[in-house]
Amino acid sequence: MAEFLFSLLHVDGWPEFWWVIVGLGGQLLFTARFLVQWLASEKARRSVIPMAFWYFSIGGGIILFAYAVYRKDPVFILGQSMGLVIYMRNLWLIHAERRNG
């Protein structure tokens, strides 16, 4: 069974297998943000970006960033780190607006 899993995921052992599972979990969180945004927009009948979108973005981004660091992938590391800054800044602006509004 382990050989089949390792072959399927192109990994050489259990540590790498678990990192792939972590990466897939991060990707699922990241993908969930689109579903949340789509459902919120359908419900409102207009384009909406709910708070959950930004939290899923940060959660998925952090996990994918950790996975990219483990894989030593500079392109993936740069892409996720820039996204994390943008997601956190958007949450900061939303919370600041609510405090002042």
PDB file of N, CA and C in Angstrom:
ATOM      1  N   MET A   1       0.830  -1.206   0.000  1.00  0.00           N
ATOM      2  CA  MET A   1       0.000   0.000   0.000  1.00  0.00           C
ATOM      3  C   MET A   1       0.868   1.261   0.000  1.00  0.00           C
ATOM      4  N   ALA A   2       1.922   1.271   0.839  1.00  0.00           N
ATOM      5  CA  ALA A   2       2.801   2.440   0.908  1.00  0.00           C
ATOM      6  C   ALA A   2       3.462   2.692  -0.441  1.00  0.00           C
ATOM      7  N   GLU A   3       3.902   1.634  -1.103  1.00  0.00           N
ATOM      8  CA  GLU A   3       4.546   1.795  -2.417  1.00  0.00           C
ATOM      9  C   GLU A   3       3.588   2.431  -3.415  1.00  0.00           C
ATOM     10  N   PHE A   4       2.323   2.029  -3.372  1.00  0.00           N
ATOM     11  CA  PHE A   4       1.320   2.603  -4.268  1.00  0.00           C
ATOM     12  C   PHE A   4       1.129   4.097  -3.986  1.00  0.00           C
ATOM     13  N   LEU A   5       0.995   4.464  -2.696  1.00  0.00           N
ATOM     14  CA  LEU A   5       0.832   5.871  -2.319  1.00  0.00           C
ATOM     15  C   LEU A   5       2.037   6.698  -2.739  1.00  0.00           C
ATOM     16  N   PHE A   6       3.239   6.170  -2.461  1.00  0.00           N
ATOM     17  CA  PHE A   6       4.463   6.894  -2.806  1.00  0.00           C
ATOM     18  C   PHE A   6       4.561   7.097  -4.318  1.00  0.00           C
ATOM     19  N   SER A   7       4.205   6.075  -5.067  1.00  0.00           N
ATOM     20  CA  SER A   7       4.235   6.169  -6.523  1.00  0.00           C
ATOM     21  C   SER A   7       3.193   7.175  -7.030  1.00  0.00           C
ATOM     22  N   LEU A   8       2.008   7.102  -6.466  1.00  0.00           N
ATOM     23  CA  LEU A   8       0.921   7.994  -6.872  1.00  0.00           C
ATOM     24  C   LEU A   8       1.277   9.462  -6.638  1.00  0.00           C
ATOM     25  N   LEU A   9       1.912   9.736  -5.499  1.00  0.00           N
ATOM     26  CA  LEU A   9       2.242  11.123  -5.132  1.00  0.00           C
ATOM     27  C   LEU A   9       3.667  11.522  -5.488  1.00  0.00           C
ATOM     28  N   HIS A  10       4.425  10.626  -6.094  1.00  0.00           N
ATOM     29  CA  HIS A  10       5.814  10.890  -6.505  1.00  0.00           C
ATOM     30  C   HIS A  10       6.677  11.317  -5.322  1.00  0.00           C
ATOM     31  N   VAL A  11       6.627  10.524  -4.250  1.00  0.00           N
ATOM     32  CA  VAL A  11       7.438  10.792  -3.059  1.00  0.00           C
ATOM     33  C   VAL A  11       8.320   9.590  -2.769  1.00  0.00           C
ATOM     34  N   ASP A  12       9.372   9.822  -1.975  1.00  0.00           N
ATOM     35  CA  ASP A  12      10.342   8.772  -1.685  1.00  0.00           C
ATOM     36  C   ASP A  12      10.199   8.151  -0.306  1.00  0.00           C
ATOM     37  N   GLY A  13       9.396   8.745   0.567  1.00  0.00           N
ATOM     38  CA  GLY A  13       9.259   8.202   1.910  1.00  0.00           C
ATOM     39  C   GLY A  13       8.151   8.893   2.674  1.00  0.00           C
ATOM     40  N   TRP A  14       7.986   8.473   3.939  1.00  0.00           N
ATOM     41  CA  TRP A  14       6.896   9.002   4.762  1.00  0.00           C
ATOM     42  C   TRP A  14       7.007  10.492   5.052  1.00  0.00           C
ATOM     43  N   PRO A  15       8.200  11.028   5.372  1.00  0.00           N
ATOM     44  CA  PRO A  15       8.247  12.480   5.631  1.00  0.00           C
ATOM     45  C   PRO A  15       7.767  13.299   4.428  1.00  0.00           C
ATOM     46  N   GLU A  16       8.241  12.921   3.256  1.00  0.00           N
ATOM     47  CA  GLU A  16       7.812  13.636   2.053  1.00  0.00           C
ATOM     48  C   GLU A  16       6.329  13.401   1.783  1.00  0.00           C
ATOM     49  N   PHE A  17       5.830  12.194   2.036  1.00  0.00           N
ATOM     50  CA  PHE A  17       4.408  11.892   1.882  1.00  0.00           C
ATOM     51  C   PHE A  17       3.569  12.844   2.730  1.00  0.00           C
ATOM     52  N   TRP A  18       3.949  13.014   4.008  1.00  0.00           N
ATOM     53  CA  TRP A  18       3.166  13.871   4.900  1.00  0.00           C
ATOM     54  C   TRP A  18       3.245  15.328   4.477  1.00  0.00           C
ATOM     55  N   TRP A  19       4.384  15.750   3.926  1.00  0.00           N
ATOM     56  CA  TRP A  19       4.466  17.124   3.429  1.00  0.00           C
ATOM     57  C   TRP A  19       3.543  17.320   2.223  1.00  0.00           C
ATOM     58  N   VAL A  20       3.435  16.326   1.377  1.00  0.00           N
ATOM     59  CA  VAL A  20       2.502  16.424   0.252  1.00  0.00           C
ATOM     60  C   VAL A  20       1.066  16.503   0.770  1.00  0.00           C
ATOM     61  N   ILE A  21       0.744  15.734   1.801  1.00  0.00           N
ATOM     62  CA  ILE A  21      -0.589  15.794   2.394  1.00  0.00           C
ATOM     63  C   ILE A  21      -0.840  17.196   2.969  1.00  0.00           C
ATOM     64  N   VAL A  22       0.148  17.769   3.655  1.00  0.00           N
ATOM     65  CA  VAL A  22       0.030  19.134   4.181  1.00  0.00           C
ATOM     66  C   VAL A  22      -0.193  20.110   3.027  1.00  0.00           C
ATOM     67  N   GLY A  23       0.594  19.975   1.967  1.00  0.00           N
ATOM     68  CA  GLY A  23       0.437  20.846   0.799  1.00  0.00           C
ATOM     69  C   GLY A  23      -0.936  20.729   0.170  1.00  0.00           C
ATOM     70  N   LEU A  24      -1.440  19.516   0.067  1.00  0.00           N
ATOM     71  CA  LEU A  24      -2.790  19.320  -0.477  1.00  0.00           C
ATOM     72  C   LEU A  24      -3.849  19.943   0.432  1.00  0.00           C
ATOM     73  N   GLY A  25      -3.648  19.842   1.741  1.00  0.00           N
ATOM     74  CA  GLY A  25      -4.573  20.482   2.684  1.00  0.00           C
ATOM     75  C   GLY A  25      -4.585  21.994   2.515  1.00  0.00           C
ATOM     76  N   GLY A  26      -3.401  22.569   2.347  1.00  0.00           N
ATOM     77  CA  GLY A  26      -3.309  24.008   2.100  1.00  0.00           C
ATOM     78  C   GLY A  26      -3.992  24.399   0.807  1.00  0.00           C
ATOM     79  N   GLN A  27      -3.814  23.577  -0.214  1.00  0.00           N
ATOM     80  CA  GLN A  27      -4.454  23.874  -1.494  1.00  0.00           C
ATOM     81  C   GLN A  27      -5.973  23.778  -1.385  1.00  0.00           C
ATOM     82  N   LEU A  28      -6.468  22.831  -0.595  1.00  0.00           N
ATOM     83  CA  LEU A  28      -7.916  22.726  -0.380  1.00  0.00           C
ATOM     84  C   LEU A  28      -8.463  23.962   0.335  1.00  0.00           C
ATOM     85  N   LEU A  29      -7.739  24.437   1.350  1.00  0.00           N
ATOM     86  CA  LEU A  29      -8.157  25.676   2.027  1.00  0.00           C
ATOM     87  C   LEU A  29      -8.165  26.840   1.046  1.00  0.00           C
ATOM     88  N   PHE A  30      -7.119  26.918   0.247  1.00  0.00           N
ATOM     89  CA  PHE A  30      -6.988  27.997  -0.712  1.00  0.00           C
ATOM     90  C   PHE A  30      -8.125  27.949  -1.733  1.00  0.00           C
ATOM     91  N   THR A  31      -8.481  26.751  -2.166  1.00  0.00           N
ATOM     92  CA  THR A  31      -9.577  26.585  -3.117  1.00  0.00           C
ATOM     93  C   THR A  31     -10.925  26.912  -2.470  1.00  0.00           C
ATOM     94  N   ALA A  32     -11.080  26.591  -1.197  1.00  0.00           N
ATOM     95  CA  ALA A  32     -12.343  26.851  -0.493  1.00  0.00           C
ATOM     96  C   ALA A  32     -12.704  28.334  -0.512  1.00  0.00           C
ATOM     97  N   ARG A  33     -11.702  29.186  -0.566  1.00  0.00           N
ATOM     98  CA  ARG A  33     -11.990  30.624  -0.569  1.00  0.00           C
ATOM     99  C   ARG A  33     -12.806  31.019  -1.788  1.00  0.00           C
ATOM    100  N   PHE A  34     -12.543  30.377  -2.922  1.00  0.00           N
ATOM    101  CA  PHE A  34     -13.315  30.674  -4.128  1.00  0.00           C
ATOM    102  C   PHE A  34     -14.749  30.205  -3.994  1.00  0.00           C
ATOM    103  N   LEU A  35     -14.950  29.058  -3.378  1.00  0.00           N
ATOM    104  CA  LEU A  35     -16.303  28.572  -3.154  1.00  0.00           C
ATOM    105  C   LEU A  35     -17.072  29.494  -2.222  1.00  0.00           C
ATOM    106  N   VAL A  36     -16.414  29.956  -1.164  1.00  0.00           N
ATOM    107  CA  VAL A  36     -17.044  30.882  -0.219  1.00  0.00           C
ATOM    108  C   VAL A  36     -17.433  32.177  -0.933  1.00  0.00           C
ATOM    109  N   GLN A  37     -16.530  32.695  -1.746  1.00  0.00           N
ATOM    110  CA  GLN A  37     -16.795  33.943  -2.468  1.00  0.00           C
ATOM    111  C   GLN A  37     -17.932  33.759  -3.464  1.00  0.00           C
ATOM    112  N   TRP A  38     -17.928  32.660  -4.173  1.00  0.00           N
ATOM    113  CA  TRP A  38     -18.961  32.380  -5.165  1.00  0.00           C
ATOM    114  C   TRP A  38     -20.329  32.265  -4.506  1.00  0.00           C
ATOM    115  N   LEU A  39     -20.422  31.499  -3.422  1.00  0.00           N
ATOM    116  CA  LEU A  39     -21.699  31.328  -2.733  1.00  0.00           C
ATOM    117  C   LEU A  39     -22.211  32.639  -2.146  1.00  0.00           C
ATOM    118  N   ALA A  40     -21.301  33.433  -1.575  1.00  0.00           N
ATOM    119  CA  ALA A  40     -21.709  34.730  -1.020  1.00  0.00           C
ATOM    120  C   ALA A  40     -22.218  35.652  -2.127  1.00  0.00           C
ATOM    121  N   SER A  41     -21.569  35.634  -3.271  1.00  0.00           N
ATOM    122  CA  SER A  41     -22.006  36.471  -4.395  1.00  0.00           C
ATOM    123  C   SER A  41     -23.346  36.009  -4.943  1.00  0.00           C
ATOM    124  N   GLU A  42     -23.536  34.711  -5.046  1.00  0.00           N
ATOM    125  CA  GLU A  42     -24.817  34.192  -5.527  1.00  0.00           C
ATOM    126  C   GLU A  42     -25.947  34.575  -4.575  1.00  0.00           C
ATOM    127  N   LYS A  43     -25.679  34.471  -3.292  1.00  0.00           N
ATOM    128  CA  LYS A  43     -26.700  34.814  -2.290  1.00  0.00           C
ATOM    129  C   LYS A  43     -27.064  36.296  -2.362  1.00  0.00           C
ATOM    130  N   ALA A  44     -26.043  37.158  -2.533  1.00  0.00           N
ATOM    131  CA  ALA A  44     -26.271  38.602  -2.578  1.00  0.00           C
ATOM    132  C   ALA A  44     -26.694  39.081  -3.971  1.00  0.00           C
ATOM    133  N   ARG A  45     -26.544  38.217  -4.959  1.00  0.00           N
ATOM    134  CA  ARG A  45     -26.842  38.567  -6.349  1.00  0.00           C
ATOM    135  C   ARG A  45     -25.982  39.712  -6.858  1.00  0.00           C
ATOM    136  N   ARG A  46     -24.775  39.806  -6.301  1.00  0.00           N
ATOM    137  CA  ARG A  46     -23.761  40.772  -6.753  1.00  0.00           C
ATOM    138  C   ARG A  46     -22.400  40.246  -6.295  1.00  0.00           C
ATOM    139  N   SER A  47     -21.346  40.784  -6.843  1.00  0.00           N
ATOM    140  CA  SER A  47     -20.010  40.317  -6.463  1.00  0.00           C
ATOM    141  C   SER A  47     -19.671  40.765  -5.043  1.00  0.00           C
ATOM    142  N   VAL A  48     -19.346  39.805  -4.192  1.00  0.00           N
ATOM    143  CA  VAL A  48     -19.047  40.069  -2.785  1.00  0.00           C
ATOM    144  C   VAL A  48     -17.783  39.298  -2.408  1.00  0.00           C
ATOM    145  N   ILE A  49     -16.959  39.901  -1.566  1.00  0.00           N
ATOM    146  CA  ILE A  49     -15.815  39.189  -1.011  1.00  0.00           C
ATOM    147  C   ILE A  49     -16.003  39.156   0.502  1.00  0.00           C
ATOM    148  N   PRO A  50     -16.457  38.017   1.037  1.00  0.00           N
ATOM    149  CA  PRO A  50     -16.699  37.911   2.476  1.00  0.00           C
ATOM    150  C   PRO A  50     -15.390  37.786   3.266  1.00  0.00           C
ATOM    151  N   MET A  51     -15.456  38.062   4.565  1.00  0.00           N
ATOM    152  CA  MET A  51     -14.283  37.952   5.441  1.00  0.00           C
ATOM    153  C   MET A  51     -13.669  36.557   5.373  1.00  0.00           C
ATOM    154  N   ALA A  52     -14.514  35.535   5.271  1.00  0.00           N
ATOM    155  CA  ALA A  52     -14.007  34.163   5.224  1.00  0.00           C
ATOM    156  C   ALA A  52     -13.044  33.964   4.056  1.00  0.00           C
ATOM    157  N   PHE A  53     -13.261  34.679   2.955  1.00  0.00           N
ATOM    158  CA  PHE A  53     -12.360  34.596   1.803  1.00  0.00           C
ATOM    159  C   PHE A  53     -10.937  34.921   2.222  1.00  0.00           C
ATOM    160  N   TRP A  54     -10.776  36.004   2.987  1.00  0.00           N
ATOM    161  CA  TRP A  54      -9.430  36.430   3.396  1.00  0.00           C
ATOM    162  C   TRP A  54      -8.829  35.468   4.416  1.00  0.00           C
ATOM    163  N   TYR A  55      -9.647  34.929   5.312  1.00  0.00           N
ATOM    164  CA  TYR A  55      -9.126  33.965   6.287  1.00  0.00           C
ATOM    165  C   TYR A  55      -8.721  32.648   5.622  1.00  0.00           C
ATOM    166  N   PHE A  56      -9.514  32.182   4.673  1.00  0.00           N
ATOM    167  CA  PHE A  56      -9.119  30.988   3.913  1.00  0.00           C
ATOM    168  C   PHE A  56      -7.856  31.277   3.102  1.00  0.00           C
ATOM    169  N   SER A  57      -7.747  32.483   2.555  1.00  0.00           N
ATOM    170  CA  SER A  57      -6.554  32.860   1.797  1.00  0.00           C
ATOM    171  C   SER A  57      -5.310  32.808   2.679  1.00  0.00           C
ATOM    172  N   ILE A  58      -5.403  33.363   3.875  1.00  0.00           N
ATOM    173  CA  ILE A  58      -4.260  33.364   4.798  1.00  0.00           C
ATOM    174  C   ILE A  58      -3.941  31.943   5.255  1.00  0.00           C
ATOM    175  N   GLY A  59      -4.959  31.178   5.660  1.00  0.00           N
ATOM    176  CA  GLY A  59      -4.720  29.805   6.110  1.00  0.00           C
ATOM    177  C   GLY A  59      -4.084  28.954   5.031  1.00  0.00           C
ATOM    178  N   GLY A  60      -4.670  28.982   3.851  1.00  0.00           N
ATOM    179  CA  GLY A  60      -4.107  28.217   2.738  1.00  0.00           C
ATOM    180  C   GLY A  60      -2.744  28.728   2.337  1.00  0.00           C
ATOM    181  N   GLY A  61      -2.573  30.056   2.333  1.00  0.00           N
ATOM    182  CA  GLY A  61      -1.291  30.655   1.956  1.00  0.00           C
ATOM    183  C   GLY A  61      -0.160  30.281   2.905  1.00  0.00           C
ATOM    184  N   ILE A  62      -0.445  30.279   4.201  1.00  0.00           N
ATOM    185  CA  ILE A  62       0.589  29.912   5.192  1.00  0.00           C
ATOM    186  C   ILE A  62       0.999  28.451   5.007  1.00  0.00           C
ATOM    187  N   ILE A  63       0.022  27.580   4.855  1.00  0.00           N
ATOM    188  CA  ILE A  63       0.335  26.160   4.684  1.00  0.00           C
ATOM    189  C   ILE A  63       1.083  25.930   3.372  1.00  0.00           C
ATOM    190  N   LEU A  64       0.649  26.563   2.294  1.00  0.00           N
ATOM    191  CA  LEU A  64       1.341  26.410   1.020  1.00  0.00           C
ATOM    192  C   LEU A  64       2.732  27.025   1.060  1.00  0.00           C
ATOM    193  N   PHE A  65       2.905  28.119   1.797  1.00  0.00           N
ATOM    194  CA  PHE A  65       4.229  28.720   1.960  1.00  0.00           C
ATOM    195  C   PHE A  65       5.166  27.738   2.679  1.00  0.00           C
ATOM    196  N   ALA A  66       4.675  27.118   3.754  1.00  0.00           N
ATOM    197  CA  ALA A  66       5.480  26.133   4.486  1.00  0.00           C
ATOM    198  C   ALA A  66       5.854  24.967   3.569  1.00  0.00           C
ATOM    199  N   TYR A  67       4.911  24.518   2.785  1.00  0.00           N
ATOM    200  CA  TYR A  67       5.171  23.432   1.846  1.00  0.00           C
ATOM    201  C   TYR A  67       6.219  23.854   0.811  1.00  0.00           C
ATOM    202  N   ALA A  68       6.103  25.076   0.299  1.00  0.00           N
ATOM    203  CA  ALA A  68       7.063  25.574  -0.687  1.00  0.00           C
ATOM    204  C   ALA A  68       8.471  25.678  -0.102  1.00  0.00           C
ATOM    205  N   VAL A  69       8.562  26.097   1.167  1.00  0.00           N
ATOM    206  CA  VAL A  69       9.867  26.171   1.834  1.00  0.00           C
ATOM    207  C   VAL A  69      10.451  24.760   1.963  1.00  0.00           C
ATOM    208  N   TYR A  70       9.617  23.800   2.370  1.00  0.00           N
ATOM    209  CA  TYR A  70      10.080  22.416   2.473  1.00  0.00           C
ATOM    210  C   TYR A  70      10.593  21.922   1.123  1.00  0.00           C
ATOM    211  N   ARG A  71       9.875  22.239   0.043  1.00  0.00           N
ATOM    212  CA  ARG A  71      10.255  21.803  -1.303  1.00  0.00           C
ATOM    213  C   ARG A  71      11.394  22.638  -1.884  1.00  0.00           C
ATOM    214  N   LYS A  72      11.750  23.737  -1.189  1.00  0.00           N
ATOM    215  CA  LYS A  72      12.823  24.649  -1.638  1.00  0.00           C
ATOM    216  C   LYS A  72      12.537  25.171  -3.052  1.00  0.00           C
ATOM    217  N   ASP A  73      11.294  25.616  -3.246  1.00  0.00           N
ATOM    218  CA  ASP A  73      10.854  26.103  -4.548  1.00  0.00           C
ATOM    219  C   ASP A  73      10.772  27.628  -4.500  1.00  0.00           C
ATOM    220  N   PRO A  74      11.782  28.338  -5.042  1.00  0.00           N
ATOM    221  CA  PRO A  74      11.807  29.798  -4.923  1.00  0.00           C
ATOM    222  C   PRO A  74      10.642  30.501  -5.610  1.00  0.00           C
ATOM    223  N   VAL A  75      10.145  29.947  -6.698  1.00  0.00           N
ATOM    224  CA  VAL A  75       9.010  30.569  -7.399  1.00  0.00           C
ATOM    225  C   VAL A  75       7.756  30.486  -6.530  1.00  0.00           C
ATOM    226  N   PHE A  76       7.505  29.320  -5.976  1.00  0.00           N
ATOM    227  CA  PHE A  76       6.352  29.079  -5.120  1.00  0.00           C
ATOM    228  C   PHE A  76       6.473  29.892  -3.821  1.00  0.00           C
ATOM    229  N   ILE A  77       7.668  29.959  -3.259  1.00  0.00           N
ATOM    230  CA  ILE A  77       7.908  30.737  -2.031  1.00  0.00           C
ATOM    231  C   ILE A  77       7.589  32.206  -2.279  1.00  0.00           C
ATOM    232  N   LEU A  78       8.109  32.757  -3.362  1.00  0.00           N
ATOM    233  CA  LEU A  78       7.867  34.169  -3.683  1.00  0.00           C
ATOM    234  C   LEU A  78       6.380  34.428  -3.913  1.00  0.00           C
ATOM    235  N   GLY A  79       5.733  33.562  -4.664  1.00  0.00           N
ATOM    236  CA  GLY A  79       4.310  33.747  -4.955  1.00  0.00           C
ATOM    237  C   GLY A  79       3.454  33.713  -3.706  1.00  0.00           C
ATOM    238  N   GLN A  80       3.710  32.763  -2.827  1.00  0.00           N
ATOM    239  CA  GLN A  80       2.904  32.668  -1.607  1.00  0.00           C
ATOM    240  C   GLN A  80       3.218  33.791  -0.631  1.00  0.00           C
ATOM    241  N   SER A  81       4.481  34.194  -0.529  1.00  0.00           N
ATOM    242  CA  SER A  81       4.819  35.259   0.425  1.00  0.00           C
ATOM    243  C   SER A  81       4.188  36.582   0.008  1.00  0.00           C
ATOM    244  N   MET A  82       4.169  36.874  -1.278  1.00  0.00           N
ATOM    245  CA  MET A  82       3.529  38.109  -1.745  1.00  0.00           C
ATOM    246  C   MET A  82       2.027  38.064  -1.485  1.00  0.00           C
ATOM    247  N   GLY A  83       1.410  36.931  -1.747  1.00  0.00           N
ATOM    248  CA  GLY A  83      -0.025  36.784  -1.497  1.00  0.00           C
ATOM    249  C   GLY A  83      -0.355  36.984  -0.036  1.00  0.00           C
ATOM    250  N   LEU A  84       0.451  36.405   0.855  1.00  0.00           N
ATOM    251  CA  LEU A  84       0.195  36.536   2.292  1.00  0.00           C
ATOM    252  C   LEU A  84       0.205  37.994   2.733  1.00  0.00           C
ATOM    253  N   VAL A  85       1.138  38.767   2.201  1.00  0.00           N
ATOM    254  CA  VAL A  85       1.197  40.195   2.544  1.00  0.00           C
ATOM    255  C   VAL A  85      -0.096  40.887   2.109  1.00  0.00           C
ATOM    256  N   ILE A  86      -0.545  40.577   0.905  1.00  0.00           N
ATOM    257  CA  ILE A  86      -1.768  41.203   0.375  1.00  0.00           C
ATOM    258  C   ILE A  86      -3.000  40.785   1.177  1.00  0.00           C
ATOM    259  N   TYR A  87      -3.113  39.501   1.520  1.00  0.00           N
ATOM    260  CA  TYR A  87      -4.270  39.029   2.287  1.00  0.00           C
ATOM    261  C   TYR A  87      -4.321  39.677   3.660  1.00  0.00           C
ATOM    262  N   MET A  88      -3.154  39.747   4.320  1.00  0.00           N
ATOM    263  CA  MET A  88      -3.112  40.353   5.659  1.00  0.00           C
ATOM    264  C   MET A  88      -3.413  41.851   5.592  1.00  0.00           C
ATOM    265  N   ARG A  89      -2.922  42.508   4.573  1.00  0.00           N
ATOM    266  CA  ARG A  89      -3.189  43.941   4.424  1.00  0.00           C
ATOM    267  C   ARG A  89      -4.685  44.187   4.209  1.00  0.00           C
ATOM    268  N   ASN A  90      -5.326  43.362   3.399  1.00  0.00           N
ATOM    269  CA  ASN A  90      -6.762  43.509   3.183  1.00  0.00           C
ATOM    270  C   ASN A  90      -7.536  43.331   4.477  1.00  0.00           C
ATOM    271  N   LEU A  91      -7.175  42.339   5.280  1.00  0.00           N
ATOM    272  CA  LEU A  91      -7.850  42.158   6.572  1.00  0.00           C
ATOM    273  C   LEU A  91      -7.601  43.356   7.480  1.00  0.00           C
ATOM    274  N   TRP A  92      -6.381  43.867   7.475  1.00  0.00           N
ATOM    275  CA  TRP A  92      -6.060  45.048   8.284  1.00  0.00           C
ATOM    276  C   TRP A  92      -6.953  46.219   7.872  1.00  0.00           C
ATOM    277  N   LEU A  93      -7.081  46.456   6.574  1.00  0.00           N
ATOM    278  CA  LEU A  93      -7.911  47.564   6.085  1.00  0.00           C
ATOM    279  C   LEU A  93      -9.385  47.365   6.451  1.00  0.00           C
ATOM    280  N   ILE A  94      -9.876  46.138   6.345  1.00  0.00           N
ATOM    281  CA  ILE A  94     -11.267  45.852   6.691  1.00  0.00           C
ATOM    282  C   ILE A  94     -11.514  46.123   8.177  1.00  0.00           C
ATOM    283  N   HIS A  95     -10.610  45.639   9.034  1.00  0.00           N
ATOM    284  CA  HIS A  95     -10.783  45.837  10.479  1.00  0.00           C
ATOM    285  C   HIS A  95     -10.630  47.326  10.841  1.00  0.00           C
ATOM    286  N   ALA A  96      -9.715  48.039  10.195  1.00  0.00           N
ATOM    287  CA  ALA A  96      -9.539  49.472  10.450  1.00  0.00           C
ATOM    288  C   ALA A  96     -10.790  50.246  10.058  1.00  0.00           C
ATOM    289  N   GLU A  97     -11.378  49.879   8.919  1.00  0.00           N
ATOM    290  CA  GLU A  97     -12.600  50.543   8.479  1.00  0.00           C
ATOM    291  C   GLU A  97     -13.741  50.310   9.457  1.00  0.00           C
ATOM    292  N   ARG A  98     -13.838  49.116   9.979  1.00  0.00           N
ATOM    293  CA  ARG A  98     -14.909  48.795  10.939  1.00  0.00           C
ATOM    294  C   ARG A  98     -14.701  49.542  12.260  1.00  0.00           C
ATOM    295  N   ARG A  99     -13.460  49.691  12.679  1.00  0.00           N
ATOM    296  CA  ARG A  99     -13.168  50.435  13.917  1.00  0.00           C
ATOM    297  C   ARG A  99     -13.515  51.921  13.758  1.00  0.00           C
ATOM    298  N   ASN A 100     -13.216  52.453  12.587  1.00  0.00           N
ATOM    299  CA  ASN A 100     -13.431  53.890  12.351  1.00  0.00           C
ATOM    300  C   ASN A 100     -14.827  54.215  11.846  1.00  0.00           C
ATOM    301  N   GLY A 101     -15.546  53.208  11.391  1.00  0.00           N
ATOM    302  CA  GLY A 101     -16.860  53.446  10.790  1.00  0.00           C
ATOM    303  C   GLY A 101     -17.945  53.198  11.731  1.00  0.00           C
TER     304      GLY A 101
END
